[in-house]
Amino acid sequence: MVFLALDESISGSESSSTEDEQSSDPLATLLRKKATIKAAEELGEDSPRKPRTPIIWMSSPMLPESTYVGVYRAILPDSTEESEVTQILPTLQTQTTTALPTASDPHVFLCMIGGGHFAAMIVSLIPKLVKRSGVVEREAVVLAHKTFHRYTTRRKQGGSQSANDNSKGTAHSAGSSLRRYNEAALTADIRELLGNWKEMLDSSSLLFIRATGTSNRKTLFGGDSPVIRSTDKRIRGFPFTTRRATQSELMRCFVEVTRLKVSKIDETVTAAPVAATSSAPTPKAPVAKLKPSKEEALKLQHTTTLTTLLRRSKAPAIITYLNSNKLPFTYYFTPTNHHTPTLLHLAASQSHPTIVLALLTKAPNGNKESADPTVKNSAGKTPYDLAGDKATREIFRVARQELGEDRFDWELLGVGSSISRKEYDEATEREKTAKDAEEKDRRDKETARLRNMPDTGSSSSAASKGGKSLAEVLGTNAATNAREEETKGLSEEAKRRLERERRARAAEERMKRLAGK
């Protein structure tokens, strides 16, 4: 501990001394006359004040070069200056004893609370000498200790139940009720314990408390007649990281805060930061944010509008917007998109065959101003290479037919032989018919299988209990398949928009039915 470790590390004396002898103690003389403290005064009277670090470091000619000893500020009285440390430390030294310390001896109180865990301990500042394996050791004496644990924290979500109630309203569940009860019980247990320890708390030299959060602080400092008041000048925080509130953690913290620190510090390394803090830093001029020019802002607006229309599958609106704003059909996005740099790239990658064909064939001044399918992205991919489905790839063959063989090198692009729009529509219709027939055949087989199942009498009972009949199951499947068929080929944004429209129509129908009653 700090009183013992300081005695051992510098003077090496283990003999006891009276209060009258302390004035002539070599340790006190050494600290008063020969200790050199790296205090703020060395920087000059006009220099800025150094920040208050948790540990005060000191050196002495009797210590090896670059060796410093440190003590936590938390164990010193309030408003202790660094120049006064050498005068205060000798007064804090206590004597060892072989007898068991009592509550009347100097002692400190330590407690932690958080997450439903509470631990408290009162430790004597007079260590006890014990002999282990022939070696005399100093051992801290715990005068009283107690731990509590209650289930108050919401699992996987964190935070206490009271904090959740305050932010989101009172929850009504078995778990929330249990947590509220446990919070109240934990508060009552802690306040009862502090009341039983009131005598020892009033005589404690220091009170080390860790209580983060409003509810935890109310538990310790709240109530009609709190044993500990938040304005008590003896209260200290732990000047280092702590773990869960347990008895062993409190003892670790006691040893840490009361033990002298010994460290080797290179003054050449610390000189530069000290010099930097001695002069007031010049504030950096704020970096002005670059505003886009009018031309760039207009390009950003065009990009936002066109991408929004494309995701909604608005081919006519896209053509109208390009023409009205006199934009090229081979439109490059701003900022540059390395995967889909042009409007045609984006339309092909998101499987919009109608928009692809419109960009290739609907230019106002003929095919010479149509979108260029030979443009490549940063990975060397053309719009045809990014086509997301067969329908989009086939539409390039239609564009080949309408634009002509000489307009682009279609073979180099990988586009198949040209087909007319009529052939494209017929092929699309055939595929749709084949898929519908395949789906109908599947449903017929499923219906036959269900009808051939042995009747166990469960169908009638299921219907009486609210279960679905065969017709209801088939009808639901048919409606689901119809909705899936309707959304085929649409982008995710278009599917979401269609679903919103369906829900709006359903809500309107419900309102009409209610109004007609």
Protein backbone atom coordinates (compact mmCIF):
# COMPACT_ATOMS: atom_id res chain seq x y z
CA MET A 1 0.00 0.00 0.00
CA VAL A 2 1.14 3.56 -0.52
CA PHE A 3 2.17 4.10 3.09
CA LEU A 4 4.09 0.82 3.24
CA ALA A 5 5.45 0.79 -0.28
CA LEU A 6 6.78 4.32 0.12
CA ASP A 7 8.48 3.28 3.36
CA GLU A 8 10.03 0.22 1.75
CA SER A 9 11.05 1.66 -1.59
CA ILE A 10 12.92 4.71 -0.26
CA SER A 11 13.89 4.45 3.40
CA GLY A 12 13.82 0.68 3.77
CA SER A 13 12.84 1.07 7.42
CA GLU A 14 10.13 -1.06 8.99
CA SER A 15 10.48 0.31 12.53
CA SER A 16 7.58 2.19 14.14
CA SER A 17 7.83 5.83 15.14
CA THR A 18 5.75 8.15 17.23
CA GLU A 19 4.18 11.38 16.04
CA ASP A 20 6.95 13.38 17.72
CA GLU A 21 9.62 11.37 15.90
CA GLN A 22 8.10 11.90 12.46
CA SER A 23 9.62 15.35 12.19
CA SER A 24 13.12 13.86 12.37
CA ASP A 25 12.34 10.81 10.27
CA PRO A 26 14.87 10.47 7.40
CA LEU A 27 11.99 9.76 5.03
CA ALA A 28 10.25 13.03 5.87
CA THR A 29 13.53 14.95 5.64
CA LEU A 30 14.32 13.36 2.31
CA LEU A 31 10.91 14.18 0.85
CA ARG A 32 10.92 17.74 2.18
CA LYS A 33 14.46 18.79 1.26
CA LYS A 34 15.73 16.65 -1.62
CA ALA A 35 12.68 15.57 -3.65
CA THR A 36 12.35 17.31 -7.01
CA ILE A 37 8.82 17.48 -8.30
CA LYS A 38 8.07 18.07 -11.96
CA ALA A 39 5.38 20.61 -11.17
CA ALA A 40 3.75 23.31 -13.23
CA GLU A 41 5.90 26.03 -11.62
CA GLU A 42 8.92 24.88 -13.66
CA LEU A 43 7.19 26.04 -16.80
CA GLY A 44 6.99 29.65 -15.59
CA GLU A 45 4.34 31.72 -13.92
CA ASP A 46 2.80 32.88 -17.20
CA SER A 47 2.59 29.42 -18.76
CA PRO A 48 -0.73 27.58 -19.04
CA ARG A 49 -1.59 25.19 -16.22
CA LYS A 50 -0.74 21.55 -16.84
CA PRO A 51 -3.63 19.13 -16.97
CA ARG A 52 -4.34 17.24 -13.74
CA THR A 53 -3.24 13.68 -14.38
CA PRO A 54 -4.50 10.82 -12.14
CA ILE A 55 -0.96 10.12 -10.86
CA ILE A 56 1.57 12.59 -9.44
CA TRP A 57 5.13 11.54 -10.36
CA MET A 58 8.14 12.42 -8.15
CA SER A 59 11.86 11.84 -8.30
CA SER A 60 14.70 11.90 -5.76
CA PRO A 61 18.51 11.91 -5.86
CA MET A 62 18.41 8.67 -3.89
CA LEU A 63 16.56 6.94 -6.73
CA PRO A 64 18.25 5.55 -9.85
CA GLU A 65 18.43 7.84 -12.87
CA SER A 66 15.12 8.33 -14.77
CA THR A 67 13.26 6.44 -12.02
CA TYR A 68 10.13 8.05 -10.65
CA VAL A 69 7.62 7.16 -7.97
CA GLY A 70 3.96 8.06 -8.33
CA VAL A 71 0.90 8.29 -6.13
CA TYR A 72 -2.76 8.60 -7.12
CA ARG A 73 -4.33 12.02 -6.51
CA ALA A 74 -7.47 10.25 -5.28
CA ILE A 75 -5.88 9.34 -1.92
CA LEU A 76 -4.79 12.93 -1.24
CA PRO A 77 -6.97 15.65 0.30
CA ASP A 78 -8.86 17.96 -2.02
CA SER A 79 -7.04 20.93 -3.57
CA THR A 80 -3.64 19.36 -2.89
CA GLU A 81 -0.95 21.02 -5.00
CA GLU A 82 1.94 19.00 -6.37
CA SER A 83 4.39 21.04 -4.32
CA GLU A 84 2.60 19.96 -1.13
CA VAL A 85 2.69 16.21 -1.77
CA THR A 86 5.97 15.67 0.04
CA GLN A 87 4.58 17.32 3.17
CA ILE A 88 1.28 15.40 3.09
CA LEU A 89 2.53 11.86 2.40
CA PRO A 90 4.36 11.42 5.76
CA THR A 91 1.18 12.34 7.63
CA LEU A 92 -0.68 9.58 5.80
CA GLN A 93 1.76 6.86 6.81
CA THR A 94 0.33 4.33 9.27
CA GLN A 95 1.89 1.66 11.42
CA THR A 96 1.68 -2.07 10.90
CA THR A 97 0.20 -4.28 13.59
CA THR A 98 0.00 -7.93 14.46
CA ALA A 99 -3.35 -7.45 16.19
CA LEU A 100 -6.63 -7.51 14.32
CA PRO A 101 -7.62 -3.93 13.32
CA THR A 102 -10.96 -2.63 14.55
CA ALA A 103 -13.61 -0.30 13.14
CA SER A 104 -12.13 2.57 15.17
CA ASP A 105 -8.91 2.41 13.16
CA PRO A 106 -8.54 4.51 9.97
CA HIS A 107 -10.43 2.88 7.10
CA VAL A 108 -11.87 3.56 3.64
CA PHE A 109 -15.17 2.62 2.01
CA LEU A 110 -15.35 1.21 -1.54
CA CYS A 111 -18.45 0.32 -3.52
CA MET A 112 -19.52 -0.36 -7.12
CA ILE A 113 -22.98 -0.63 -8.63
CA GLY A 114 -24.08 -1.36 -12.17
CA GLY A 115 -26.06 -3.84 -14.24
CA GLY A 116 -27.84 -5.25 -11.20
CA HIS A 117 -24.52 -6.00 -9.46
CA PHE A 118 -23.55 -4.29 -6.18
CA ALA A 119 -20.45 -4.77 -4.07
CA ALA A 120 -19.32 -2.80 -1.01
CA MET A 121 -16.35 -3.13 1.30
CA ILE A 122 -14.76 -1.34 4.25
CA VAL A 123 -11.00 -1.88 4.46
CA SER A 124 -8.71 -0.88 7.32
CA LEU A 125 -5.75 1.34 6.46
CA ILE A 126 -3.66 -0.50 9.04
CA PRO A 127 -2.40 -3.73 7.46
CA LYS A 128 -1.88 -6.86 9.47
CA LEU A 129 1.47 -8.66 9.57
CA VAL A 130 1.18 -12.36 8.78
CA LYS A 131 3.86 -14.99 8.41
CA ARG A 132 3.68 -17.32 5.42
CA SER A 133 6.42 -19.89 4.79
CA GLY A 134 8.70 -18.05 7.15
CA VAL A 135 8.22 -14.72 5.34
CA VAL A 136 6.45 -11.79 7.00
CA GLU A 137 3.91 -10.18 4.69
CA ARG A 138 1.49 -7.29 5.02
CA GLU A 139 -2.15 -8.13 4.43
CA ALA A 140 -5.12 -5.80 4.04
CA VAL A 141 -7.87 -6.34 6.59
CA VAL A 142 -11.51 -6.21 5.44
CA LEU A 143 -13.71 -4.90 8.25
CA ALA A 144 -17.01 -5.52 6.41
CA HIS A 145 -18.13 -6.55 2.95
CA LYS A 146 -21.37 -7.38 1.13
CA THR A 147 -22.46 -8.15 -2.45
CA PHE A 148 -25.91 -8.21 -4.07
CA HIS A 149 -27.13 -9.26 -7.48
CA ARG A 150 -30.58 -8.86 -9.00
CA TYR A 151 -31.90 -9.43 -12.51
CA THR A 152 -32.52 -5.83 -13.63
CA THR A 153 -30.86 -5.61 -17.06
CA ARG A 154 -32.72 -6.44 -20.27
CA ARG A 155 -30.95 -9.38 -21.89
CA LYS A 156 -29.38 -8.83 -25.36
CA GLN A 157 -30.64 -5.23 -25.35
CA GLY A 158 -28.88 -3.66 -22.38
CA GLY A 159 -30.06 -0.89 -20.11
CA SER A 160 -32.16 -1.09 -17.01
CA GLN A 161 -35.92 -1.56 -17.11
CA SER A 162 -36.52 1.86 -15.56
CA ALA A 163 -34.44 3.54 -18.27
CA ASN A 164 -36.41 1.71 -20.95
CA ASP A 165 -39.71 2.72 -19.32
CA ASN A 166 -38.64 6.35 -19.21
CA SER A 167 -37.66 6.43 -22.89
CA LYS A 168 -40.30 4.18 -24.51
CA GLY A 169 -43.12 3.99 -21.97
CA THR A 170 -44.07 1.30 -19.50
CA ALA A 171 -43.81 -2.20 -20.92
CA HIS A 172 -46.37 -4.85 -19.92
CA SER A 173 -44.69 -8.24 -19.79
CA ALA A 174 -43.65 -10.81 -17.23
CA GLY A 175 -39.97 -9.99 -17.71
CA SER A 176 -40.45 -6.23 -17.34
CA SER A 177 -42.49 -6.69 -14.16
CA LEU A 178 -39.80 -8.95 -12.70
CA ARG A 179 -37.07 -6.44 -13.54
CA ARG A 180 -39.03 -3.57 -11.95
CA TYR A 181 -39.53 -5.61 -8.77
CA ASN A 182 -35.84 -6.53 -8.66
CA GLU A 183 -34.78 -2.90 -9.12
CA ALA A 184 -36.91 -1.86 -6.15
CA ALA A 185 -35.66 -4.80 -4.07
CA LEU A 186 -32.01 -4.03 -4.91
CA THR A 187 -32.48 -0.38 -3.94
CA ALA A 188 -34.05 -1.41 -0.62
CA ASP A 189 -31.26 -3.91 0.13
CA ILE A 190 -28.51 -1.38 -0.61
CA ARG A 191 -30.06 1.38 1.48
CA GLU A 192 -30.61 -1.01 4.37
CA LEU A 193 -26.96 -2.10 4.19
CA LEU A 194 -25.71 1.49 4.12
CA GLY A 195 -27.92 2.26 7.10
CA ASN A 196 -26.38 -0.63 9.05
CA TRP A 197 -22.88 0.63 8.16
CA LYS A 198 -23.63 4.30 8.90
CA GLU A 199 -21.22 4.51 11.85
CA MET A 200 -18.29 3.16 9.85
CA LEU A 201 -19.21 5.26 6.81
CA ASP A 202 -19.26 8.44 8.86
CA SER A 203 -15.76 7.69 10.18
CA SER A 204 -14.29 6.58 6.83
CA SER A 205 -11.34 8.58 5.57
CA LEU A 206 -12.40 8.32 1.91
CA LEU A 207 -15.38 6.97 -0.03
CA PHE A 208 -14.48 5.35 -3.36
CA ILE A 209 -17.67 4.99 -5.40
CA ARG A 210 -18.42 3.84 -8.95
CA ALA A 211 -22.08 4.50 -9.84
CA THR A 212 -22.73 5.36 -13.48
CA GLY A 213 -26.22 6.25 -14.59
CA THR A 214 -29.00 8.25 -13.00
CA SER A 215 -30.80 5.27 -11.44
CA ASN A 216 -27.63 3.91 -9.81
CA ARG A 217 -26.77 7.31 -8.33
CA LYS A 218 -30.32 7.69 -7.03
CA THR A 219 -29.98 4.32 -5.32
CA LEU A 220 -26.90 5.46 -3.38
CA PHE A 221 -27.61 9.16 -2.86
CA GLY A 222 -31.43 9.22 -2.98
CA GLY A 223 -34.12 8.57 -0.40
CA ASP A 224 -35.53 10.62 2.46
CA SER A 225 -32.40 10.52 4.62
CA PRO A 226 -29.46 9.22 2.54
CA VAL A 227 -26.48 7.85 4.43
CA ILE A 228 -24.12 9.14 1.73
CA ARG A 229 -24.68 12.53 0.14
CA SER A 230 -23.43 13.31 -3.34
CA THR A 231 -21.85 16.53 -2.05
CA ASP A 232 -19.61 14.70 0.45
CA LYS A 233 -16.02 15.89 -0.11
CA ARG A 234 -14.66 12.46 0.78
CA ILE A 235 -16.16 10.87 -2.35
CA ARG A 236 -13.66 9.74 -4.95
CA GLY A 237 -13.96 7.91 -8.24
CA PHE A 238 -11.70 5.08 -9.33
CA PRO A 239 -9.01 6.70 -11.53
CA PHE A 240 -8.64 3.60 -13.72
CA THR A 241 -10.78 1.08 -15.56
CA THR A 242 -12.84 -1.25 -13.38
CA ARG A 243 -14.66 -4.50 -14.07
CA ARG A 244 -17.88 -6.07 -12.75
CA ALA A 245 -18.77 -5.23 -9.16
CA THR A 246 -17.43 -8.12 -7.05
CA GLN A 247 -15.55 -8.44 -3.76
CA SER A 248 -12.34 -9.48 -5.51
CA GLU A 249 -12.58 -6.49 -7.87
CA LEU A 250 -12.95 -4.10 -4.94
CA MET A 251 -9.87 -5.58 -3.27
CA ARG A 252 -7.92 -5.25 -6.52
CA CYS A 253 -8.94 -1.60 -6.77
CA PHE A 254 -7.96 -0.95 -3.14
CA VAL A 255 -4.49 -2.39 -3.68
CA GLU A 256 -4.11 -0.47 -6.95
CA VAL A 257 -5.11 2.93 -5.57
CA THR A 258 -3.08 2.68 -2.33
CA ARG A 259 0.15 1.28 -3.73
CA LEU A 260 3.08 3.44 -4.79
CA LYS A 261 3.92 3.28 -8.50
CA VAL A 262 7.51 2.99 -9.69
CA SER A 263 8.33 3.75 -13.32
CA LYS A 264 11.24 4.67 -15.57
CA ILE A 265 10.49 7.81 -17.59
CA ASP A 266 12.68 9.18 -20.36
CA GLU A 267 12.76 12.95 -19.92
CA THR A 268 13.86 13.57 -23.51
CA VAL A 269 10.67 11.94 -24.75
CA THR A 270 8.40 13.88 -22.40
CA ALA A 271 10.13 17.23 -22.97
CA ALA A 272 8.56 17.80 -26.38
CA PRO A 273 4.93 17.37 -25.22
CA VAL A 274 5.58 19.61 -22.18
CA ALA A 275 7.03 22.33 -24.40
CA ALA A 276 4.05 22.03 -26.69
CA THR A 277 1.61 22.53 -23.82
CA SER A 278 3.54 25.54 -22.51
CA SER A 279 2.58 27.64 -25.49
CA ALA A 280 -1.01 28.24 -26.42
CA PRO A 281 -1.82 26.28 -29.59
CA THR A 282 -2.77 28.33 -32.60
CA PRO A 283 -6.28 27.37 -33.70
CA LYS A 284 -6.41 26.03 -37.22
CA ALA A 285 -8.41 27.97 -39.71
CA PRO A 286 -11.63 26.15 -40.59
CA VAL A 287 -11.43 24.39 -43.92
CA ALA A 288 -14.07 25.81 -46.20
CA LYS A 289 -16.24 23.16 -47.81
CA LEU A 290 -16.12 23.29 -51.58
CA LYS A 291 -19.53 24.05 -53.00
CA PRO A 292 -20.36 22.52 -56.37
CA SER A 293 -20.59 24.92 -59.26
CA LYS A 294 -23.92 25.64 -60.92
CA GLU A 295 -23.02 23.27 -63.74
CA GLU A 296 -22.12 20.44 -61.34
CA ALA A 297 -25.26 21.04 -59.26
CA LEU A 298 -27.37 20.81 -62.43
CA LYS A 299 -25.67 17.54 -63.42
CA LEU A 300 -26.33 16.12 -59.95
CA GLN A 301 -29.99 17.06 -60.27
CA HIS A 302 -30.24 15.39 -63.71
CA THR A 303 -28.61 12.22 -62.34
CA THR A 304 -30.99 12.02 -59.39
CA THR A 305 -34.08 12.55 -61.54
CA LEU A 306 -33.07 10.05 -64.24
CA THR A 307 -32.13 7.29 -61.80
CA THR A 308 -35.44 7.78 -59.95
CA LEU A 309 -37.45 7.52 -63.18
CA LEU A 310 -35.47 4.45 -64.25
CA ARG A 311 -36.12 2.61 -60.99
CA ARG A 312 -39.83 3.29 -61.50
CA SER A 313 -39.69 1.90 -65.07
CA LYS A 314 -40.87 5.20 -66.57
CA ALA A 315 -39.52 4.86 -70.13
CA PRO A 316 -41.66 7.64 -71.73
CA ALA A 317 -40.84 10.02 -68.87
CA ILE A 318 -37.10 9.39 -69.30
CA ILE A 319 -37.25 10.15 -73.04
CA THR A 320 -39.28 13.31 -72.39
CA TYR A 321 -36.84 14.48 -69.69
CA LEU A 322 -33.81 13.93 -71.93
CA ASN A 323 -35.41 15.81 -74.81
CA SER A 324 -36.74 18.72 -72.75
CA ASN A 325 -33.35 19.28 -71.06
CA LYS A 326 -31.41 18.67 -74.32
CA LEU A 327 -29.38 15.89 -72.72
CA PRO A 328 -27.57 13.24 -74.78
CA PHE A 329 -29.06 9.74 -74.74
CA THR A 330 -25.56 8.50 -73.85
CA TYR A 331 -25.82 10.31 -70.54
CA TYR A 332 -22.93 9.99 -68.05
CA PHE A 333 -23.85 10.14 -64.38
CA THR A 334 -22.43 12.69 -61.93
CA PRO A 335 -20.61 11.72 -59.76
CA THR A 336 -19.04 9.03 -61.90
CA ASN A 337 -20.32 5.51 -61.29
CA HIS A 338 -17.60 3.02 -62.17
CA HIS A 339 -19.96 0.05 -62.59
CA THR A 340 -22.78 1.79 -64.49
CA PRO A 341 -21.33 5.04 -65.88
CA THR A 342 -24.18 5.70 -68.36
CA LEU A 343 -27.96 5.56 -68.30
CA LEU A 344 -27.91 2.61 -70.72
CA HIS A 345 -25.57 0.65 -68.43
CA LEU A 346 -27.92 1.15 -65.48
CA ALA A 347 -31.06 0.23 -67.44
CA ALA A 348 -29.46 -2.99 -68.73
CA SER A 349 -28.05 -4.02 -65.34
CA GLN A 350 -31.43 -3.53 -63.63
CA SER A 351 -33.31 -5.47 -66.37
CA HIS A 352 -35.46 -2.74 -67.95
CA PRO A 353 -35.79 -3.91 -71.60
CA THR A 354 -38.34 -1.22 -72.49
CA ILE A 355 -36.01 1.58 -71.35
CA VAL A 356 -33.03 -0.05 -73.12
CA LEU A 357 -34.90 -0.13 -76.44
CA ALA A 358 -36.14 3.44 -75.97
CA LEU A 359 -32.62 4.76 -75.33
CA LEU A 360 -31.32 2.94 -78.43
CA THR A 361 -34.12 3.83 -80.87
CA LYS A 362 -36.09 6.89 -79.65
CA ALA A 363 -33.54 9.66 -80.21
CA PRO A 364 -35.19 12.84 -81.56
CA ASN A 365 -32.88 13.39 -84.55
CA GLY A 366 -32.57 9.87 -85.76
CA ASN A 367 -30.39 6.99 -84.73
CA LYS A 368 -27.19 9.03 -84.81
CA GLU A 369 -28.01 10.56 -81.40
CA SER A 370 -29.17 7.33 -79.75
CA ALA A 371 -27.42 5.82 -76.74
CA ASP A 372 -24.06 4.25 -77.55
CA PRO A 373 -23.97 0.53 -76.56
CA THR A 374 -20.20 0.34 -77.17
CA VAL A 375 -19.31 2.47 -74.13
CA LYS A 376 -17.49 0.40 -71.49
CA ASN A 377 -17.31 0.82 -67.73
CA SER A 378 -14.11 0.79 -65.67
CA ALA A 379 -14.11 -3.03 -65.80
CA GLY A 380 -14.41 -3.06 -69.60
CA LYS A 381 -18.08 -4.15 -69.63
CA THR A 382 -20.62 -2.89 -72.18
CA PRO A 383 -24.34 -2.47 -71.38
CA TYR A 384 -25.03 -5.80 -73.11
CA ASP A 385 -22.51 -7.52 -70.82
CA LEU A 386 -24.39 -6.17 -67.78
CA ALA A 387 -27.85 -7.28 -68.98
CA GLY A 388 -29.60 -8.91 -66.03
CA ASP A 389 -31.96 -11.34 -67.79
CA LYS A 390 -32.80 -12.94 -71.14
CA ALA A 391 -35.49 -10.41 -72.03
CA THR A 392 -33.00 -7.54 -71.73
CA ARG A 393 -30.41 -9.36 -73.85
CA GLU A 394 -33.00 -10.16 -76.52
CA ILE A 395 -34.06 -6.51 -76.75
CA PHE A 396 -30.56 -5.67 -78.03
CA ARG A 397 -31.32 -7.97 -81.00
CA VAL A 398 -34.45 -5.93 -81.67
CA ALA A 399 -32.36 -2.75 -81.55
CA ARG A 400 -29.94 -4.33 -84.03
CA GLN A 401 -32.85 -4.88 -86.41
CA GLU A 402 -34.15 -1.32 -86.07
CA LEU A 403 -30.79 0.50 -86.09
CA GLY A 404 -29.26 -1.52 -88.90
CA GLU A 405 -26.18 -3.67 -89.18
CA ASP A 406 -23.87 -0.75 -89.98
CA ARG A 407 -24.76 1.41 -86.96
CA PHE A 408 -22.56 -0.53 -84.49
CA ASP A 409 -20.29 -3.57 -84.56
CA TRP A 410 -22.93 -5.88 -83.10
CA GLU A 411 -20.76 -8.97 -83.44
CA LEU A 412 -18.02 -7.36 -81.37
CA LEU A 413 -20.60 -6.49 -78.72
CA GLY A 414 -21.74 -10.12 -78.58
CA VAL A 415 -25.33 -9.34 -79.65
CA GLY A 416 -27.06 -12.19 -81.46
CA SER A 417 -28.65 -12.03 -84.90
CA SER A 418 -31.28 -9.36 -85.39
CA ILE A 419 -34.97 -10.05 -84.79
CA SER A 420 -38.03 -7.90 -85.33
CA ARG A 421 -40.18 -6.48 -82.58
CA LYS A 422 -42.96 -8.84 -83.62
CA GLU A 423 -40.68 -11.85 -83.27
CA TYR A 424 -39.53 -10.59 -79.87
CA ASP A 425 -43.12 -10.20 -78.67
CA GLU A 426 -44.08 -13.63 -79.98
CA ALA A 427 -41.09 -15.26 -78.29
CA THR A 428 -41.90 -13.48 -75.04
CA GLU A 429 -45.54 -14.58 -75.30
CA ARG A 430 -44.51 -18.18 -75.98
CA GLU A 431 -42.28 -18.21 -72.93
CA LYS A 432 -45.05 -16.75 -70.81
CA THR A 433 -47.56 -19.30 -72.13
CA ALA A 434 -45.14 -22.15 -71.48
CA LYS A 435 -44.53 -20.95 -67.93
CA ASP A 436 -48.27 -20.56 -67.32
CA ALA A 437 -48.93 -24.07 -68.64
CA GLU A 438 -46.16 -25.47 -66.48
CA GLU A 439 -47.59 -23.70 -63.44
CA LYS A 440 -51.13 -24.89 -64.25
CA ASP A 441 -49.89 -28.45 -64.60
CA ARG A 442 -48.16 -28.20 -61.25
CA ARG A 443 -51.31 -26.89 -59.57
CA ASP A 444 -53.44 -29.63 -61.16
CA LYS A 445 -51.07 -32.30 -59.90
CA GLU A 446 -51.10 -30.79 -56.43
CA THR A 447 -54.90 -30.64 -56.45
CA ALA A 448 -55.15 -34.27 -57.53
CA ARG A 449 -52.68 -35.30 -54.84
CA LEU A 450 -54.67 -33.52 -52.14
CA ARG A 451 -57.96 -35.02 -53.34
CA ASN A 452 -56.52 -38.54 -53.35
CA MET A 453 -55.32 -38.26 -49.77
CA PRO A 454 -57.23 -40.53 -47.37
CA ASP A 455 -59.98 -38.72 -45.43
CA THR A 456 -59.16 -38.99 -41.73
CA GLY A 457 -62.00 -36.76 -40.61
CA SER A 458 -59.58 -33.99 -39.82
CA SER A 459 -60.78 -31.72 -42.63
CA SER A 460 -64.18 -31.12 -41.05
CA SER A 461 -62.67 -30.56 -37.63
CA ALA A 462 -60.10 -28.19 -39.12
CA ALA A 463 -62.85 -26.21 -40.83
CA SER A 464 -64.86 -26.04 -37.60
CA LYS A 465 -61.78 -24.79 -35.76
CA GLY A 466 -61.10 -22.10 -38.28
CA GLY A 467 -58.71 -24.10 -40.49
CA LYS A 468 -58.47 -23.55 -44.24
CA SER A 469 -60.30 -25.79 -46.68
CA LEU A 470 -58.77 -27.18 -49.88
CA ALA A 471 -60.49 -24.53 -52.00
CA GLU A 472 -59.13 -21.79 -49.75
CA VAL A 473 -55.61 -23.21 -49.95
CA LEU A 474 -55.75 -23.46 -53.74
CA GLY A 475 -57.26 -20.01 -54.05
CA THR A 476 -54.53 -18.52 -51.87
CA ASN A 477 -51.83 -20.26 -53.92
CA ALA A 478 -53.36 -19.03 -57.16
CA ALA A 479 -53.50 -15.44 -55.90
CA THR A 480 -49.91 -15.65 -54.71
CA ASN A 481 -48.73 -17.04 -58.04
CA ALA A 482 -50.62 -14.31 -59.89
CA ARG A 483 -48.92 -11.61 -57.81
CA GLU A 484 -45.51 -13.18 -58.42
CA GLU A 485 -46.19 -13.33 -62.15
CA GLU A 486 -47.24 -9.69 -62.17
CA THR A 487 -43.97 -8.54 -60.58
CA LYS A 488 -41.65 -10.56 -62.82
CA GLY A 489 -39.12 -8.41 -64.64
CA LEU A 490 -39.60 -5.43 -62.31
CA SER A 491 -36.85 -3.87 -60.27
CA GLU A 492 -36.97 -4.00 -56.47
CA GLU A 493 -38.10 -0.38 -56.30
CA ALA A 494 -40.87 -1.01 -58.83
CA LYS A 495 -42.02 -4.06 -56.84
CA ARG A 496 -42.20 -2.03 -53.65
CA ARG A 497 -44.14 0.74 -55.40
CA LEU A 498 -46.60 -1.82 -56.83
CA GLU A 499 -47.09 -3.35 -53.39
CA ARG A 500 -47.80 0.10 -51.91
CA GLU A 501 -50.41 0.74 -54.62
CA ARG A 502 -52.06 -2.64 -53.89
CA ARG A 503 -52.30 -1.83 -50.21
CA ALA A 504 -53.71 1.62 -50.93
CA ARG A 505 -56.42 0.14 -53.18
CA ALA A 506 -57.28 -2.44 -50.52
CA ALA A 507 -57.58 0.31 -47.91
CA GLU A 508 -59.89 2.29 -50.21
CA GLU A 509 -62.11 -0.76 -50.72
CA ARG A 510 -62.38 -1.26 -46.96
CA MET A 511 -63.33 2.37 -46.47
CA LYS A 512 -66.02 2.11 -49.17
CA ARG A 513 -67.49 -1.00 -47.55
CA LEU A 514 -67.56 0.69 -44.16
CA ALA A 515 -69.21 3.78 -45.64
CA GLY A 516 -71.91 1.66 -47.33
CA LYS A 517 -72.98 -0.03 -44.06
